[in-house]
Amino acid sequence: MLNKGNILDERGNLIESGMSFEDLKVYNKERIPKYLKSRVKEWDYYTFQNDKIGFLLTIANNTYMSYISCSFVNLETASYVTKTYINVANPKKFILPTSAFKGNIQILDKKYFLKVEKTPKSTKILAKLTHFVKNMDILLNLEVTPNKLENGIFILHPFKNKHHFYYNYKENLLNAKGTVTLGGNITKFEGYGSYDFGRGIWPYKTEWFWISATKVCAKNSLSLNLGCGFGICDENENFIIYNNQKFKLPDIQIEIPYDEKHKIKYLDEWKIISADGSINLTFKPILNRKDTTHAIILYSKQNQVFGEFYGEIKTTTSTIEIEKVSGFIEHFNNKW
């Protein structure tokens, strides 16, 4: 478990690693050594979906390159649209807060406008992104609730280099309501999902899997967060929320579907299990949202597979049946 205090000491070394369900750490980025400041990576990421469509928004400042990325996923037609607006000339425009709960974001450019305003009760997202589909602009006007500490987890990952770290907060069971306007068509949107707050310095090569799923109904709500492959932390980010109770989960093993050439068959069934038998899930994909960036020494390959989870999870108090719970498995492979 993490202790209260700064992330970095006077020399910019990571003080400790671990996880917490409390907001204990201070992201004191001013102590990052000068020679590593160009390696800092920061982002705020929101993802929401309902039975028909999904919506994703990324605001990232990687120091040498900043960008806004927006995606819409149609689960009925198994199709998606992604548009990324890259800013290389002036990454200082993208000032992201040091806290997951405080600090607003406002970015203005000829191609886009984005405002994220946080209050104790909600987060408001207002954005205009030009030429999202052909010559049509997209307007986003969403209010996200609730912002509840009890629905999230903090994880502080170490790496072999003592100056490398990843400070991450993931919050589930968020509800997004509002409108999405494409061209002249206004669509009401309501969906559930998660918020991913990430700050840190990583090795050049990184790879991870992130699993997120949510189901909300009249009787109870269920939200699942799982991850593996990133950093060398003894703690994990795995937990489930069921009937307003949060349960920590053990490390997971992902049985990845491969073909005869050892390439991942993303649209085949996946299995997610744990060594102690408490996690036994099957993931049935619907579509794979792929996004690849390749520029000289920079490489990023993302496969975000949307689908449904089935199976069961055993907690300290009961066995939770997982039946047609919508979510995704995200697989990132980076050299940056």
C-alpha atoms as a PDB file:
ATOM      1  CA  MET A   1       0.000   0.000   0.000  1.00  0.00           C
ATOM      2  CA  LEU A   2       1.167   3.518  -0.791  1.00  0.00           C
ATOM      3  CA  ASN A   3       2.019   6.079   1.876  1.00  0.00           C
ATOM      4  CA  LYS A   4       1.054   9.754   1.841  1.00  0.00           C
ATOM      5  CA  GLY A   5       3.629  12.093   0.289  1.00  0.00           C
ATOM      6  CA  ASN A   6       5.555  12.967  -2.873  1.00  0.00           C
ATOM      7  CA  ILE A   7       6.265  10.574  -5.735  1.00  0.00           C
ATOM      8  CA  LEU A   8       9.863  11.734  -6.267  1.00  0.00           C
ATOM      9  CA  ASP A   9      12.652  12.599  -3.841  1.00  0.00           C
ATOM     10  CA  GLU A  10      15.074  15.557  -4.154  1.00  0.00           C
ATOM     11  CA  ARG A  11      17.142  13.718  -6.805  1.00  0.00           C
ATOM     12  CA  GLY A  12      14.123  12.740  -8.875  1.00  0.00           C
ATOM     13  CA  ASN A  13      14.161   9.106  -7.767  1.00  0.00           C
ATOM     14  CA  LEU A  14      10.929   7.201  -7.229  1.00  0.00           C
ATOM     15  CA  ILE A  15      10.357   6.999  -3.468  1.00  0.00           C
ATOM     16  CA  GLU A  16       8.038   3.992  -3.408  1.00  0.00           C
ATOM     17  CA  SER A  17       5.708   1.885  -5.526  1.00  0.00           C
ATOM     18  CA  GLY A  18       2.406   0.148  -4.911  1.00  0.00           C
ATOM     19  CA  MET A  19      -1.352   0.769  -4.977  1.00  0.00           C
ATOM     20  CA  SER A  20      -3.977   2.568  -2.953  1.00  0.00           C
ATOM     21  CA  PHE A  21      -7.698   3.225  -2.961  1.00  0.00           C
ATOM     22  CA  GLU A  22      -6.938   6.644  -1.437  1.00  0.00           C
ATOM     23  CA  ASP A  23      -5.573   9.812  -3.057  1.00  0.00           C
ATOM     24  CA  LEU A  24      -2.256   9.896  -1.187  1.00  0.00           C
ATOM     25  CA  LYS A  25       0.525  10.830  -3.603  1.00  0.00           C
ATOM     26  CA  VAL A  26       1.655  14.204  -4.978  1.00  0.00           C
ATOM     27  CA  TYR A  27       2.850  14.219  -8.576  1.00  0.00           C
ATOM     28  CA  ASN A  28       5.786  16.573  -7.953  1.00  0.00           C
ATOM     29  CA  LYS A  29       7.032  16.679 -11.542  1.00  0.00           C
ATOM     30  CA  GLU A  30       9.315  19.650 -10.823  1.00  0.00           C
ATOM     31  CA  ARG A  31      11.819  17.138  -9.398  1.00  0.00           C
ATOM     32  CA  ILE A  32      12.187  15.234 -12.665  1.00  0.00           C
ATOM     33  CA  PRO A  33      15.859  15.569 -13.789  1.00  0.00           C
ATOM     34  CA  LYS A  34      16.379  18.037 -16.647  1.00  0.00           C
ATOM     35  CA  TYR A  35      17.769  15.405 -19.026  1.00  0.00           C
ATOM     36  CA  LEU A  36      14.550  13.404 -18.671  1.00  0.00           C
ATOM     37  CA  LYS A  37      12.005  16.201 -19.053  1.00  0.00           C
ATOM     38  CA  SER A  38      11.644  15.465 -22.781  1.00  0.00           C
ATOM     39  CA  ARG A  39      10.591  11.908 -21.863  1.00  0.00           C
ATOM     40  CA  VAL A  40       7.608  12.902 -19.691  1.00  0.00           C
ATOM     41  CA  LYS A  41       4.270  11.447 -20.798  1.00  0.00           C
ATOM     42  CA  GLU A  42       0.924  12.698 -19.505  1.00  0.00           C
ATOM     43  CA  TRP A  43      -2.665  12.007 -20.517  1.00  0.00           C
ATOM     44  CA  ASP A  44      -6.310  12.158 -19.544  1.00  0.00           C
ATOM     45  CA  TYR A  45      -8.411   9.477 -21.235  1.00  0.00           C
ATOM     46  CA  TYR A  46     -12.175   8.979 -21.162  1.00  0.00           C
ATOM     47  CA  THR A  47     -14.088   6.031 -22.587  1.00  0.00           C
ATOM     48  CA  PHE A  48     -17.862   5.506 -22.516  1.00  0.00           C
ATOM     49  CA  GLN A  49     -20.226   3.114 -24.213  1.00  0.00           C
ATOM     50  CA  ASN A  50     -23.765   1.781 -24.239  1.00  0.00           C
ATOM     51  CA  ASP A  51     -25.265  -1.192 -26.100  1.00  0.00           C
ATOM     52  CA  LYS A  52     -24.997   0.564 -29.454  1.00  0.00           C
ATOM     53  CA  ILE A  53     -22.049   2.960 -29.574  1.00  0.00           C
ATOM     54  CA  GLY A  54     -18.829   3.856 -27.791  1.00  0.00           C
ATOM     55  CA  PHE A  55     -17.042   7.168 -27.403  1.00  0.00           C
ATOM     56  CA  LEU A  56     -13.356   7.720 -26.575  1.00  0.00           C
ATOM     57  CA  LEU A  57     -11.365  10.900 -25.952  1.00  0.00           C
ATOM     58  CA  THR A  58      -7.621  11.210 -25.309  1.00  0.00           C
ATOM     59  CA  ILE A  59      -5.784  14.407 -24.334  1.00  0.00           C
ATOM     60  CA  ALA A  60      -2.043  13.720 -24.270  1.00  0.00           C
ATOM     61  CA  ASN A  61       1.136  15.708 -23.749  1.00  0.00           C
ATOM     62  CA  ASN A  62       4.236  13.632 -24.498  1.00  0.00           C
ATOM     63  CA  THR A  63       6.453  16.757 -24.329  1.00  0.00           C
ATOM     64  CA  TYR A  64       7.907  16.374 -27.824  1.00  0.00           C
ATOM     65  CA  MET A  65       4.450  15.721 -29.297  1.00  0.00           C
ATOM     66  CA  SER A  66       0.974  16.520 -27.982  1.00  0.00           C
ATOM     67  CA  TYR A  67      -2.355  15.437 -29.393  1.00  0.00           C
ATOM     68  CA  ILE A  68      -6.111  15.072 -29.025  1.00  0.00           C
ATOM     69  CA  SER A  69      -7.627  11.838 -30.293  1.00  0.00           C
ATOM     70  CA  CYS A  70     -11.337  11.116 -30.608  1.00  0.00           C
ATOM     71  CA  SER A  71     -13.041   7.851 -31.606  1.00  0.00           C
ATOM     72  CA  PHE A  72     -16.591   6.669 -32.152  1.00  0.00           C
ATOM     73  CA  VAL A  73     -17.338   2.970 -32.201  1.00  0.00           C
ATOM     74  CA  ASN A  74     -20.535   1.515 -33.670  1.00  0.00           C
ATOM     75  CA  LEU A  75     -21.123  -1.826 -31.939  1.00  0.00           C
ATOM     76  CA  GLU A  76     -24.135  -2.638 -34.121  1.00  0.00           C
ATOM     77  CA  THR A  77     -22.234  -2.378 -37.412  1.00  0.00           C
ATOM     78  CA  ALA A  78     -18.801  -3.319 -35.968  1.00  0.00           C
ATOM     79  CA  SER A  79     -17.257  -0.126 -37.360  1.00  0.00           C
ATOM     80  CA  TYR A  80     -15.378   2.886 -35.989  1.00  0.00           C
ATOM     81  CA  VAL A  81     -13.951   6.293 -36.817  1.00  0.00           C
ATOM     82  CA  THR A  82     -10.790   7.705 -35.205  1.00  0.00           C
ATOM     83  CA  LYS A  83      -9.298  11.143 -35.791  1.00  0.00           C
ATOM     84  CA  THR A  84      -6.095  12.372 -34.154  1.00  0.00           C
ATOM     85  CA  TYR A  85      -5.076  16.033 -34.026  1.00  0.00           C
ATOM     86  CA  ILE A  86      -1.315  16.239 -33.500  1.00  0.00           C
ATOM     87  CA  ASN A  87       0.474  19.326 -32.183  1.00  0.00           C
ATOM     88  CA  VAL A  88       4.255  19.210 -32.565  1.00  0.00           C
ATOM     89  CA  ALA A  89       5.135  22.884 -32.790  1.00  0.00           C
ATOM     90  CA  ASN A  90       3.876  23.996 -29.386  1.00  0.00           C
ATOM     91  CA  PRO A  91       3.246  21.193 -26.880  1.00  0.00           C
ATOM     92  CA  LYS A  92       3.142  23.805 -24.086  1.00  0.00           C
ATOM     93  CA  LYS A  93      -0.454  24.461 -25.164  1.00  0.00           C
ATOM     94  CA  PHE A  94      -1.366  21.149 -23.585  1.00  0.00           C
ATOM     95  CA  ILE A  95      -1.093  21.916 -19.890  1.00  0.00           C
ATOM     96  CA  LEU A  96      -2.537  18.965 -18.002  1.00  0.00           C
ATOM     97  CA  PRO A  97      -3.273  19.038 -14.248  1.00  0.00           C
ATOM     98  CA  THR A  98      -1.088  17.226 -11.731  1.00  0.00           C
ATOM     99  CA  SER A  99      -4.138  15.837  -9.915  1.00  0.00           C
ATOM    100  CA  ALA A 100      -6.857  13.461 -11.107  1.00  0.00           C
ATOM    101  CA  PHE A 101      -9.493  15.451  -9.188  1.00  0.00           C
ATOM    102  CA  LYS A 102      -8.444  19.102  -9.468  1.00  0.00           C
ATOM    103  CA  GLY A 103      -7.444  21.346 -12.338  1.00  0.00           C
ATOM    104  CA  ASN A 104      -9.114  22.148 -15.643  1.00  0.00           C
ATOM    105  CA  ILE A 105      -7.936  21.740 -19.226  1.00  0.00           C
ATOM    106  CA  GLN A 106      -8.494  24.316 -21.956  1.00  0.00           C
ATOM    107  CA  ILE A 107      -6.841  24.047 -25.376  1.00  0.00           C
ATOM    108  CA  LEU A 108      -7.557  26.278 -28.368  1.00  0.00           C
ATOM    109  CA  ASP A 109      -6.253  25.810 -31.891  1.00  0.00           C
ATOM    110  CA  LYS A 110      -7.449  26.461 -35.440  1.00  0.00           C
ATOM    111  CA  LYS A 111      -8.388  22.786 -35.779  1.00  0.00           C
ATOM    112  CA  TYR A 112      -9.902  22.154 -32.369  1.00  0.00           C
ATOM    113  CA  PHE A 113     -11.228  23.543 -29.122  1.00  0.00           C
ATOM    114  CA  LEU A 114     -11.346  21.510 -25.930  1.00  0.00           C
ATOM    115  CA  LYS A 115     -12.423  22.343 -22.397  1.00  0.00           C
ATOM    116  CA  VAL A 116     -12.527  19.919 -19.470  1.00  0.00           C
ATOM    117  CA  GLU A 117     -13.876  21.461 -16.281  1.00  0.00           C
ATOM    118  CA  LYS A 118     -13.809  19.495 -13.011  1.00  0.00           C
ATOM    119  CA  THR A 119     -16.001  20.177 -10.007  1.00  0.00           C
ATOM    120  CA  PRO A 120     -16.483  18.094  -6.840  1.00  0.00           C
ATOM    121  CA  LYS A 121     -19.634  16.576  -8.347  1.00  0.00           C
ATOM    122  CA  SER A 122     -18.941  16.214 -12.077  1.00  0.00           C
ATOM    123  CA  THR A 123     -16.659  16.714 -15.056  1.00  0.00           C
ATOM    124  CA  LYS A 124     -17.891  18.748 -18.019  1.00  0.00           C
ATOM    125  CA  ILE A 125     -16.409  18.088 -21.459  1.00  0.00           C
ATOM    126  CA  LEU A 126     -16.918  20.590 -24.269  1.00  0.00           C
ATOM    127  CA  ALA A 127     -15.105  20.180 -27.572  1.00  0.00           C
ATOM    128  CA  LYS A 128     -15.164  21.131 -31.235  1.00  0.00           C
ATOM    129  CA  LEU A 129     -13.007  19.056 -33.589  1.00  0.00           C
ATOM    130  CA  THR A 130     -12.915  20.127 -37.231  1.00  0.00           C
ATOM    131  CA  HIS A 131     -13.210  17.777 -40.221  1.00  0.00           C
ATOM    132  CA  PHE A 132     -13.823  14.747 -38.024  1.00  0.00           C
ATOM    133  CA  VAL A 133     -15.563  12.915 -40.878  1.00  0.00           C
ATOM    134  CA  LYS A 134     -14.810  14.372 -44.320  1.00  0.00           C
ATOM    135  CA  ASN A 135     -15.774  18.062 -44.057  1.00  0.00           C
ATOM    136  CA  MET A 136     -18.041  17.666 -41.037  1.00  0.00           C
ATOM    137  CA  ASP A 137     -17.031  19.046 -37.639  1.00  0.00           C
ATOM    138  CA  ILE A 138     -17.952  17.252 -34.440  1.00  0.00           C
ATOM    139  CA  LEU A 139     -19.195  18.978 -31.281  1.00  0.00           C
ATOM    140  CA  LEU A 140     -19.137  17.247 -27.898  1.00  0.00           C
ATOM    141  CA  ASN A 141     -21.119  18.481 -24.906  1.00  0.00           C
ATOM    142  CA  LEU A 142     -21.024  15.937 -22.086  1.00  0.00           C
ATOM    143  CA  GLU A 143     -21.410  15.932 -18.330  1.00  0.00           C
ATOM    144  CA  VAL A 144     -19.681  13.066 -16.547  1.00  0.00           C
ATOM    145  CA  THR A 145     -20.809  11.873 -13.108  1.00  0.00           C
ATOM    146  CA  PRO A 146     -20.052  10.716 -10.520  1.00  0.00           C
ATOM    147  CA  ASN A 147     -16.456  11.492  -9.617  1.00  0.00           C
ATOM    148  CA  LYS A 148     -16.093   9.126  -6.687  1.00  0.00           C
ATOM    149  CA  LEU A 149     -12.806   8.134  -5.124  1.00  0.00           C
ATOM    150  CA  GLU A 150     -14.346   4.852  -3.985  1.00  0.00           C
ATOM    151  CA  ASN A 151     -14.847   3.849  -7.631  1.00  0.00           C
ATOM    152  CA  GLY A 152     -11.160   4.048  -8.527  1.00  0.00           C
ATOM    153  CA  ILE A 153      -7.652   2.813  -7.843  1.00  0.00           C
ATOM    154  CA  PHE A 154      -4.199   4.467  -7.761  1.00  0.00           C
ATOM    155  CA  ILE A 155      -1.168   2.510  -8.909  1.00  0.00           C
ATOM    156  CA  LEU A 156       2.464   3.681  -8.901  1.00  0.00           C
ATOM    157  CA  HIS A 157       4.595   1.499 -11.175  1.00  0.00           C
ATOM    158  CA  PRO A 158       8.408   1.310 -10.898  1.00  0.00           C
ATOM    159  CA  PHE A 159      10.819   0.275 -13.655  1.00  0.00           C
ATOM    160  CA  LYS A 160      14.457  -0.849 -13.618  1.00  0.00           C
ATOM    161  CA  ASN A 161      15.641   2.750 -14.041  1.00  0.00           C
ATOM    162  CA  LYS A 162      15.137   4.506 -10.683  1.00  0.00           C
ATOM    163  CA  HIS A 163      14.033   7.700 -12.482  1.00  0.00           C
ATOM    164  CA  HIS A 164      11.309   5.922 -14.448  1.00  0.00           C
ATOM    165  CA  PHE A 165       7.799   5.627 -13.037  1.00  0.00           C
ATOM    166  CA  TYR A 166       4.139   5.589 -13.998  1.00  0.00           C
ATOM    167  CA  TYR A 167       1.508   7.197 -11.774  1.00  0.00           C
ATOM    168  CA  ASN A 168      -1.963   6.060 -12.779  1.00  0.00           C
ATOM    169  CA  TYR A 169      -5.527   6.511 -11.539  1.00  0.00           C
ATOM    170  CA  LYS A 170      -8.430   4.599 -13.045  1.00  0.00           C
ATOM    171  CA  GLU A 171     -12.012   5.393 -12.087  1.00  0.00           C
ATOM    172  CA  ASN A 172     -14.961   3.253 -13.164  1.00  0.00           C
ATOM    173  CA  LEU A 173     -18.758   3.507 -13.151  1.00  0.00           C
ATOM    174  CA  LEU A 174     -18.762   6.972 -14.695  1.00  0.00           C
ATOM    175  CA  ASN A 175     -21.989   8.104 -16.351  1.00  0.00           C
ATOM    176  CA  ALA A 176     -21.786  10.419 -19.370  1.00  0.00           C
ATOM    177  CA  LYS A 177     -24.832  12.338 -20.609  1.00  0.00           C
ATOM    178  CA  GLY A 178     -25.103  14.983 -23.276  1.00  0.00           C
ATOM    179  CA  THR A 179     -25.092  15.534 -27.019  1.00  0.00           C
ATOM    180  CA  VAL A 180     -22.848  14.696 -29.935  1.00  0.00           C
ATOM    181  CA  THR A 181     -23.294  16.864 -33.025  1.00  0.00           C
ATOM    182  CA  LEU A 182     -21.826  15.728 -36.341  1.00  0.00           C
ATOM    183  CA  GLY A 183     -22.421  18.182 -39.144  1.00  0.00           C
ATOM    184  CA  GLY A 184     -26.020  19.248 -38.561  1.00  0.00           C
ATOM    185  CA  ASN A 185     -27.130  16.058 -36.828  1.00  0.00           C
ATOM    186  CA  ILE A 186     -27.569  16.218 -33.048  1.00  0.00           C
ATOM    187  CA  THR A 187     -27.553  12.885 -31.191  1.00  0.00           C
ATOM    188  CA  LYS A 188     -28.291  12.407 -27.514  1.00  0.00           C
ATOM    189  CA  PHE A 189     -25.705  10.223 -25.815  1.00  0.00           C
ATOM    190  CA  GLU A 190     -25.728   8.364 -22.534  1.00  0.00           C
ATOM    191  CA  GLY A 191     -23.235   5.705 -21.570  1.00  0.00           C
ATOM    192  CA  TYR A 192     -21.065   4.309 -18.810  1.00  0.00           C
ATOM    193  CA  GLY A 193     -17.330   3.929 -18.664  1.00  0.00           C
ATOM    194  CA  SER A 194     -14.033   4.952 -17.102  1.00  0.00           C
ATOM    195  CA  TYR A 195     -11.431   7.682 -16.685  1.00  0.00           C
ATOM    196  CA  ASP A 196      -7.706   6.983 -17.045  1.00  0.00           C
ATOM    197  CA  PHE A 197      -5.258   9.535 -15.578  1.00  0.00           C
ATOM    198  CA  GLY A 198      -1.620   8.768 -16.437  1.00  0.00           C
ATOM    199  CA  ARG A 199       1.621  10.610 -15.677  1.00  0.00           C
ATOM    200  CA  GLY A 200       5.219   9.412 -15.825  1.00  0.00           C
ATOM    201  CA  ILE A 201       8.479   8.507 -17.563  1.00  0.00           C
ATOM    202  CA  TRP A 202       8.808   5.056 -19.132  1.00  0.00           C
ATOM    203  CA  PRO A 203      11.440   2.933 -20.843  1.00  0.00           C
ATOM    204  CA  TYR A 204      11.659   3.259 -24.637  1.00  0.00           C
ATOM    205  CA  LYS A 205       9.869  -0.074 -25.145  1.00  0.00           C
ATOM    206  CA  THR A 206       6.623  -0.768 -23.283  1.00  0.00           C
ATOM    207  CA  GLU A 207       3.712  -3.177 -23.648  1.00  0.00           C
ATOM    208  CA  TRP A 208       0.545  -3.707 -21.629  1.00  0.00           C
ATOM    209  CA  PHE A 209      -2.963  -5.124 -21.520  1.00  0.00           C
ATOM    210  CA  TRP A 210      -5.839  -3.203 -19.946  1.00  0.00           C
ATOM    211  CA  ILE A 211      -9.307  -4.664 -19.419  1.00  0.00           C
ATOM    212  CA  SER A 212     -12.328  -2.551 -18.494  1.00  0.00           C
ATOM    213  CA  ALA A 213     -16.013  -3.498 -18.355  1.00  0.00           C
ATOM    214  CA  THR A 214     -19.188  -1.985 -16.895  1.00  0.00           C
ATOM    215  CA  LYS A 215     -22.804  -3.047 -16.525  1.00  0.00           C
ATOM    216  CA  VAL A 216     -25.449  -0.904 -14.834  1.00  0.00           C
ATOM    217  CA  CYS A 217     -28.994  -2.086 -14.139  1.00  0.00           C
ATOM    218  CA  ALA A 218     -31.808  -1.441 -11.669  1.00  0.00           C
ATOM    219  CA  LYS A 219     -30.781  -4.091  -9.148  1.00  0.00           C
ATOM    220  CA  ASN A 220     -27.013  -3.663  -9.077  1.00  0.00           C
ATOM    221  CA  SER A 221     -23.985  -2.230 -10.837  1.00  0.00           C
ATOM    222  CA  LEU A 222     -20.826  -4.036 -11.849  1.00  0.00           C
ATOM    223  CA  SER A 223     -17.503  -2.628 -12.950  1.00  0.00           C
ATOM    224  CA  LEU A 224     -14.297  -4.512 -13.669  1.00  0.00           C
ATOM    225  CA  ASN A 225     -10.718  -3.222 -14.024  1.00  0.00           C
ATOM    226  CA  LEU A 226      -7.815  -5.554 -14.840  1.00  0.00           C
ATOM    227  CA  GLY A 227      -4.295  -5.040 -16.166  1.00  0.00           C
ATOM    228  CA  CYS A 228      -0.939  -6.714 -16.683  1.00  0.00           C
ATOM    229  CA  GLY A 229       2.400  -6.430 -18.452  1.00  0.00           C
ATOM    230  CA  PHE A 230       3.396  -2.891 -17.444  1.00  0.00           C
ATOM    231  CA  GLY A 231       6.251  -2.077 -15.071  1.00  0.00           C
ATOM    232  CA  ILE A 232       7.621  -4.295 -12.279  1.00  0.00           C
ATOM    233  CA  CYS A 233       5.266  -3.392  -9.436  1.00  0.00           C
ATOM    234  CA  ASP A 234       4.469  -6.059  -6.831  1.00  0.00           C
ATOM    235  CA  GLU A 235       0.914  -4.684  -6.628  1.00  0.00           C
ATOM    236  CA  ASN A 236      -1.669  -4.784  -9.424  1.00  0.00           C
ATOM    237  CA  GLU A 237      -4.609  -2.589 -10.471  1.00  0.00           C
ATOM    238  CA  ASN A 238      -7.172  -5.402 -10.478  1.00  0.00           C
ATOM    239  CA  PHE A 239     -10.509  -4.865  -8.746  1.00  0.00           C
ATOM    240  CA  ILE A 240     -14.244  -5.300  -9.188  1.00  0.00           C
ATOM    241  CA  ILE A 241     -17.123  -3.164  -7.918  1.00  0.00           C
ATOM    242  CA  TYR A 242     -20.361  -5.033  -7.301  1.00  0.00           C
ATOM    243  CA  ASN A 243     -23.420  -3.813  -5.394  1.00  0.00           C
ATOM    244  CA  ASN A 244     -21.447  -0.733  -4.280  1.00  0.00           C
ATOM    245  CA  GLN A 245     -18.703  -2.924  -2.773  1.00  0.00           C
ATOM    246  CA  LYS A 246     -15.122  -2.921  -4.016  1.00  0.00           C
ATOM    247  CA  PHE A 247     -13.057  -6.127  -4.032  1.00  0.00           C
ATOM    248  CA  LYS A 248      -9.342  -6.371  -4.795  1.00  0.00           C
ATOM    249  CA  LEU A 249      -8.480  -9.164  -7.236  1.00  0.00           C
ATOM    250  CA  PRO A 250      -5.305 -11.251  -7.770  1.00  0.00           C
ATOM    251  CA  ASP A 251      -2.924 -11.164 -10.735  1.00  0.00           C
ATOM    252  CA  ILE A 252      -4.397 -12.357 -14.002  1.00  0.00           C
ATOM    253  CA  GLN A 253      -3.253 -14.613 -16.814  1.00  0.00           C
ATOM    254  CA  ILE A 254      -4.516 -13.854 -20.324  1.00  0.00           C
ATOM    255  CA  GLU A 255      -4.888 -16.756 -22.744  1.00  0.00           C
ATOM    256  CA  ILE A 256      -4.347 -14.912 -26.019  1.00  0.00           C
ATOM    257  CA  PRO A 257      -5.687 -16.453 -29.257  1.00  0.00           C
ATOM    258  CA  TYR A 258      -2.823 -16.945 -31.733  1.00  0.00           C
ATOM    259  CA  ASP A 259      -2.713 -18.242 -35.294  1.00  0.00           C
ATOM    260  CA  GLU A 260      -0.132 -20.680 -36.686  1.00  0.00           C
ATOM    261  CA  LYS A 261       2.314 -17.780 -37.277  1.00  0.00           C
ATOM    262  CA  HIS A 262       1.954 -16.642 -33.660  1.00  0.00           C
ATOM    263  CA  LYS A 263       0.037 -13.522 -34.594  1.00  0.00           C
ATOM    264  CA  ILE A 264      -2.770 -12.486 -32.279  1.00  0.00           C
ATOM    265  CA  LYS A 265      -6.260 -13.267 -33.594  1.00  0.00           C
ATOM    266  CA  TYR A 266      -7.905 -10.315 -31.899  1.00  0.00           C
ATOM    267  CA  LEU A 267     -11.441 -11.238 -32.949  1.00  0.00           C
ATOM    268  CA  ASP A 268     -11.291 -14.796 -31.571  1.00  0.00           C
ATOM    269  CA  GLU A 269     -12.343 -15.624 -27.995  1.00  0.00           C
ATOM    270  CA  TRP A 270     -10.001 -14.717 -25.142  1.00  0.00           C
ATOM    271  CA  LYS A 271      -9.712 -16.281 -21.686  1.00  0.00           C
ATOM    272  CA  ILE A 272      -8.814 -14.347 -18.528  1.00  0.00           C
ATOM    273  CA  ILE A 273      -8.024 -16.455 -15.478  1.00  0.00           C
ATOM    274  CA  SER A 274      -6.115 -16.302 -12.192  1.00  0.00           C
ATOM    275  CA  ALA A 275      -3.791 -18.896 -10.680  1.00  0.00           C
ATOM    276  CA  ASP A 276      -6.023 -19.329  -7.617  1.00  0.00           C
ATOM    277  CA  GLY A 277      -9.129 -19.944  -9.723  1.00  0.00           C
ATOM    278  CA  SER A 278     -11.034 -16.902  -8.471  1.00  0.00           C
ATOM    279  CA  ILE A 279     -11.176 -15.336 -11.954  1.00  0.00           C
ATOM    280  CA  ASN A 280     -12.566 -17.334 -14.860  1.00  0.00           C
ATOM    281  CA  LEU A 281     -13.733 -15.149 -17.755  1.00  0.00           C
ATOM    282  CA  THR A 282     -14.377 -15.552 -21.465  1.00  0.00           C
ATOM    283  CA  PHE A 283     -14.248 -12.510 -23.722  1.00  0.00           C
ATOM    284  CA  LYS A 284     -16.234 -12.558 -26.978  1.00  0.00           C
ATOM    285  CA  PRO A 285     -15.069  -9.766 -29.346  1.00  0.00           C
ATOM    286  CA  ILE A 286     -17.315  -7.648 -31.546  1.00  0.00           C
ATOM    287  CA  LEU A 287     -14.780  -5.342 -33.220  1.00  0.00           C
ATOM    288  CA  ASN A 288     -11.137  -4.319 -33.013  1.00  0.00           C
ATOM    289  CA  ARG A 289     -10.340  -0.607 -33.076  1.00  0.00           C
ATOM    290  CA  LYS A 290      -6.800  -0.492 -34.495  1.00  0.00           C
ATOM    291  CA  ASP A 291      -4.499   2.514 -34.492  1.00  0.00           C
ATOM    292  CA  THR A 292      -0.827   2.490 -35.549  1.00  0.00           C
ATOM    293  CA  THR A 293       1.725   5.303 -35.601  1.00  0.00           C
ATOM    294  CA  HIS A 294       5.136   4.749 -37.202  1.00  0.00           C
ATOM    295  CA  ALA A 295       7.537   7.678 -37.569  1.00  0.00           C
ATOM    296  CA  ILE A 296      11.279   6.897 -37.760  1.00  0.00           C
ATOM    297  CA  ILE A 297      12.182   5.931 -34.146  1.00  0.00           C
ATOM    298  CA  LEU A 298       8.636   6.332 -32.799  1.00  0.00           C
ATOM    299  CA  TYR A 299       6.228   3.415 -32.983  1.00  0.00           C
ATOM    300  CA  SER A 300       2.868   2.861 -31.350  1.00  0.00           C
ATOM    301  CA  LYS A 301       0.465   0.017 -32.070  1.00  0.00           C
ATOM    302  CA  GLN A 302      -2.906  -0.097 -30.335  1.00  0.00           C
ATOM    303  CA  ASN A 303      -5.565  -2.774 -30.574  1.00  0.00           C
ATOM    304  CA  GLN A 304      -8.665  -2.005 -28.521  1.00  0.00           C
ATOM    305  CA  VAL A 305     -11.039  -4.944 -28.819  1.00  0.00           C
ATOM    306  CA  PHE A 306     -14.654  -4.269 -27.848  1.00  0.00           C
ATOM    307  CA  GLY A 307     -16.937  -7.100 -26.855  1.00  0.00           C
ATOM    308  CA  GLU A 308     -18.676  -8.928 -24.006  1.00  0.00           C
ATOM    309  CA  PHE A 309     -17.440 -10.769 -20.920  1.00  0.00           C
ATOM    310  CA  TYR A 310     -18.890 -13.995 -19.516  1.00  0.00           C
ATOM    311  CA  GLY A 311     -17.914 -16.199 -16.576  1.00  0.00           C
ATOM    312  CA  GLU A 312     -17.487 -15.714 -12.845  1.00  0.00           C
ATOM    313  CA  ILE A 313     -15.339 -13.983 -10.247  1.00  0.00           C
ATOM    314  CA  LYS A 314     -15.060 -15.258  -6.688  1.00  0.00           C
ATOM    315  CA  THR A 315     -14.563 -12.642  -3.988  1.00  0.00           C
ATOM    316  CA  THR A 316     -14.121 -12.983  -0.220  1.00  0.00           C
ATOM    317  CA  THR A 317     -17.903 -12.913   0.239  1.00  0.00           C
ATOM    318  CA  SER A 318     -19.543 -14.401  -2.847  1.00  0.00           C
ATOM    319  CA  THR A 319     -19.330 -15.627  -6.422  1.00  0.00           C
ATOM    320  CA  ILE A 320     -20.241 -12.946  -8.968  1.00  0.00           C
ATOM    321  CA  GLU A 321     -21.764 -14.155 -12.231  1.00  0.00           C
ATOM    322  CA  ILE A 322     -20.555 -12.207 -15.267  1.00  0.00           C
ATOM    323  CA  GLU A 323     -23.163 -12.381 -18.026  1.00  0.00           C
ATOM    324  CA  LYS A 324     -22.941 -10.236 -21.167  1.00  0.00           C
ATOM    325  CA  VAL A 325     -21.001  -7.379 -19.576  1.00  0.00           C
ATOM    326  CA  SER A 326     -19.798  -4.887 -22.209  1.00  0.00           C
ATOM    327  CA  GLY A 327     -16.213  -3.699 -22.222  1.00  0.00           C
ATOM    328  CA  PHE A 328     -12.867  -3.976 -23.960  1.00  0.00           C
ATOM    329  CA  ILE A 329      -9.373  -5.449 -23.920  1.00  0.00           C
ATOM    330  CA  GLU A 330      -6.713  -2.917 -24.858  1.00  0.00           C
ATOM    331  CA  HIS A 331      -3.293  -4.093 -26.077  1.00  0.00           C
ATOM    332  CA  PHE A 332      -0.598  -1.424 -26.437  1.00  0.00           C
ATOM    333  CA  ASN A 333       2.873  -1.980 -27.885  1.00  0.00           C
ATOM    334  CA  ASN A 334       5.112   1.109 -27.936  1.00  0.00           C
ATOM    335  CA  LYS A 335       8.582   2.331 -28.793  1.00  0.00           C
ATOM    336  CA  TRP A 336       8.611   6.000 -27.828  1.00  0.00           C
END
